[in-house]
N, C-alpha and C. Protein backbone atom coordinates (compact mmCIF):
# COMPACT_ATOMS: atom_id res chain seq x y z
N UNK A 1 -42.66 62.86 -118.95
CA UNK A 1 -42.91 61.77 -119.87
C UNK A 1 -44.41 61.45 -119.87
N UNK A 2 -44.98 61.32 -121.02
CA UNK A 2 -46.42 61.10 -121.18
C UNK A 2 -46.68 59.63 -121.46
N UNK A 3 -47.52 59.01 -120.63
CA UNK A 3 -47.87 57.60 -120.79
C UNK A 3 -49.34 57.52 -121.16
N UNK A 4 -49.66 57.19 -122.42
CA UNK A 4 -51.07 57.17 -122.85
C UNK A 4 -51.91 56.10 -122.14
N UNK A 5 -51.31 54.98 -121.79
CA UNK A 5 -52.07 53.92 -121.12
C UNK A 5 -52.44 54.36 -119.71
N UNK A 6 -51.47 54.92 -119.01
CA UNK A 6 -51.75 55.42 -117.67
C UNK A 6 -52.78 56.54 -117.70
N UNK A 7 -52.67 57.41 -118.69
CA UNK A 7 -53.62 58.51 -118.85
C UNK A 7 -55.04 57.98 -119.09
N UNK A 8 -55.15 56.92 -119.90
CA UNK A 8 -56.46 56.31 -120.18
C UNK A 8 -57.04 55.67 -118.92
N UNK A 9 -56.20 55.00 -118.14
CA UNK A 9 -56.67 54.38 -116.90
C UNK A 9 -57.16 55.42 -115.91
N UNK A 10 -56.44 56.52 -115.79
CA UNK A 10 -56.85 57.59 -114.89
C UNK A 10 -58.17 58.19 -115.36
N UNK A 11 -58.31 58.39 -116.66
CA UNK A 11 -59.55 58.96 -117.21
C UNK A 11 -60.73 58.03 -116.94
N UNK A 12 -60.53 56.72 -117.08
CA UNK A 12 -61.62 55.78 -116.82
C UNK A 12 -62.02 55.78 -115.35
N UNK A 13 -61.06 55.83 -114.45
CA UNK A 13 -61.37 55.87 -113.02
C UNK A 13 -62.10 57.16 -112.66
N UNK A 14 -61.69 58.26 -113.24
CA UNK A 14 -62.38 59.53 -112.99
C UNK A 14 -63.81 59.47 -113.50
N UNK A 15 -64.01 58.84 -114.66
CA UNK A 15 -65.35 58.71 -115.22
C UNK A 15 -66.23 57.85 -114.31
N UNK A 16 -65.66 56.74 -113.79
CA UNK A 16 -66.40 55.89 -112.87
C UNK A 16 -66.77 56.66 -111.60
N UNK A 17 -65.84 57.46 -111.10
CA UNK A 17 -66.12 58.27 -109.91
C UNK A 17 -67.25 59.26 -110.17
N UNK A 18 -67.23 59.89 -111.35
CA UNK A 18 -68.29 60.84 -111.69
C UNK A 18 -69.64 60.13 -111.78
N UNK A 19 -69.66 58.93 -112.36
CA UNK A 19 -70.92 58.18 -112.44
C UNK A 19 -71.43 57.80 -111.05
N UNK A 20 -70.53 57.38 -110.18
CA UNK A 20 -70.92 57.01 -108.81
C UNK A 20 -71.47 58.21 -108.06
N UNK A 21 -70.82 59.35 -108.20
CA UNK A 21 -71.30 60.56 -107.54
C UNK A 21 -72.66 60.98 -108.07
N UNK A 22 -72.85 60.88 -109.38
CA UNK A 22 -74.15 61.25 -109.97
C UNK A 22 -75.24 60.31 -109.49
N UNK A 23 -74.92 59.02 -109.38
CA UNK A 23 -75.90 58.06 -108.89
C UNK A 23 -76.26 58.34 -107.44
N UNK A 24 -75.27 58.65 -106.62
CA UNK A 24 -75.53 58.94 -105.21
C UNK A 24 -76.35 60.21 -105.06
N UNK A 25 -76.06 61.22 -105.87
CA UNK A 25 -76.87 62.45 -105.84
C UNK A 25 -78.30 62.15 -106.24
N UNK A 26 -78.48 61.32 -107.27
CA UNK A 26 -79.82 60.96 -107.70
C UNK A 26 -80.60 60.22 -106.63
N UNK A 27 -79.92 59.28 -105.95
CA UNK A 27 -80.58 58.54 -104.87
C UNK A 27 -80.93 59.46 -103.71
N UNK A 28 -80.03 60.37 -103.39
CA UNK A 28 -80.30 61.31 -102.30
C UNK A 28 -81.47 62.22 -102.65
N UNK A 29 -81.50 62.70 -103.88
CA UNK A 29 -82.60 63.58 -104.30
C UNK A 29 -83.92 62.82 -104.29
N UNK A 30 -83.90 61.57 -104.70
CA UNK A 30 -85.13 60.76 -104.69
C UNK A 30 -85.60 60.54 -103.26
N UNK A 31 -84.68 60.31 -102.34
CA UNK A 31 -85.07 60.11 -100.94
C UNK A 31 -85.64 61.38 -100.35
N UNK A 32 -85.07 62.51 -100.70
CA UNK A 32 -85.58 63.79 -100.21
C UNK A 32 -86.97 64.06 -100.77
N UNK A 33 -87.19 63.71 -102.04
CA UNK A 33 -88.47 63.96 -102.68
C UNK A 33 -89.57 63.10 -102.08
N UNK A 34 -89.21 61.90 -101.56
CA UNK A 34 -90.22 61.01 -100.98
C UNK A 34 -90.62 61.40 -99.57
N UNK A 35 -89.90 62.31 -98.95
CA UNK A 35 -90.24 62.71 -97.59
C UNK A 35 -91.53 63.53 -97.60
N UNK A 36 -92.42 63.25 -96.67
CA UNK A 36 -93.66 64.01 -96.64
C UNK A 36 -93.42 65.46 -96.22
N UNK A 37 -94.25 66.30 -96.73
CA UNK A 37 -94.15 67.72 -96.37
C UNK A 37 -94.61 67.89 -94.92
N UNK A 38 -93.99 68.81 -94.23
CA UNK A 38 -94.38 69.09 -92.85
C UNK A 38 -95.59 70.01 -92.85
N UNK A 39 -96.74 69.38 -92.77
CA UNK A 39 -98.00 70.14 -92.78
C UNK A 39 -98.78 69.80 -91.53
N UNK A 40 -99.53 70.74 -91.07
CA UNK A 40 -100.39 70.52 -89.92
C UNK A 40 -101.72 70.02 -90.44
N UNK A 41 -102.09 68.84 -90.03
CA UNK A 41 -103.35 68.23 -90.44
C UNK A 41 -104.24 68.11 -89.20
N UNK A 42 -105.18 69.05 -89.01
CA UNK A 42 -105.99 69.06 -87.78
C UNK A 42 -106.73 67.76 -87.50
N UNK A 43 -107.39 67.12 -88.47
CA UNK A 43 -108.10 65.89 -88.13
C UNK A 43 -107.17 64.78 -87.63
N UNK A 44 -106.02 64.65 -88.25
CA UNK A 44 -105.07 63.62 -87.81
C UNK A 44 -104.53 63.95 -86.43
N UNK A 45 -104.18 65.21 -86.21
CA UNK A 45 -103.65 65.61 -84.91
C UNK A 45 -104.69 65.40 -83.81
N UNK A 46 -105.93 65.75 -84.09
CA UNK A 46 -107.00 65.57 -83.11
C UNK A 46 -107.23 64.08 -82.84
N UNK A 47 -107.21 63.29 -83.89
CA UNK A 47 -107.37 61.85 -83.72
C UNK A 47 -106.26 61.25 -82.87
N UNK A 48 -105.01 61.66 -83.13
CA UNK A 48 -103.90 61.16 -82.34
C UNK A 48 -104.02 61.59 -80.88
N UNK A 49 -104.48 62.80 -80.65
CA UNK A 49 -104.66 63.30 -79.29
C UNK A 49 -105.74 62.49 -78.57
N UNK A 50 -106.85 62.22 -79.24
CA UNK A 50 -107.92 61.44 -78.63
C UNK A 50 -107.47 60.02 -78.30
N UNK A 51 -106.68 59.42 -79.17
CA UNK A 51 -106.16 58.08 -78.91
C UNK A 51 -105.25 58.10 -77.68
N UNK A 52 -104.41 59.12 -77.59
CA UNK A 52 -103.51 59.23 -76.44
C UNK A 52 -104.29 59.41 -75.15
N UNK A 53 -105.34 60.22 -75.16
CA UNK A 53 -106.17 60.43 -73.97
C UNK A 53 -106.88 59.14 -73.59
N UNK A 54 -107.39 58.41 -74.57
CA UNK A 54 -108.06 57.14 -74.29
C UNK A 54 -107.10 56.15 -73.63
N UNK A 55 -105.87 56.06 -74.15
CA UNK A 55 -104.88 55.16 -73.54
C UNK A 55 -104.53 55.60 -72.12
N UNK A 56 -104.48 56.90 -71.91
CA UNK A 56 -104.20 57.41 -70.57
C UNK A 56 -105.29 57.00 -69.60
N UNK A 57 -106.54 57.17 -70.00
CA UNK A 57 -107.65 56.79 -69.12
C UNK A 57 -107.71 55.28 -68.91
N UNK A 58 -107.40 54.51 -69.94
CA UNK A 58 -107.37 53.05 -69.77
C UNK A 58 -106.30 52.64 -68.76
N UNK A 59 -105.16 53.28 -68.85
CA UNK A 59 -104.08 52.98 -67.91
C UNK A 59 -104.48 53.38 -66.49
N UNK A 60 -105.10 54.54 -66.34
CA UNK A 60 -105.54 54.98 -65.01
C UNK A 60 -106.62 54.05 -64.46
N UNK A 61 -107.50 53.57 -65.31
CA UNK A 61 -108.56 52.66 -64.86
C UNK A 61 -107.99 51.34 -64.38
N UNK A 62 -106.94 50.86 -65.03
CA UNK A 62 -106.30 49.60 -64.62
C UNK A 62 -105.52 49.77 -63.32
N UNK A 63 -105.04 50.99 -63.06
CA UNK A 63 -104.22 51.23 -61.87
C UNK A 63 -105.04 51.16 -60.60
N UNK A 64 -106.33 51.43 -60.66
CA UNK A 64 -107.17 51.43 -59.45
C UNK A 64 -107.57 50.08 -59.03
């Protein structure tokens, strides 16, 4: 037995589900696109290393 009202309700729910999935995919893709590329940046790495060494020496100086 074919019920057109029930069929319409099912179609609307499926459409809402498709829209929700498309929105979630779009948000996920946008979040992935905003992630920085994994690149080696020598000046930044050297700067971070120097800061870490300075903190190490400051800690050692306070320990004595």
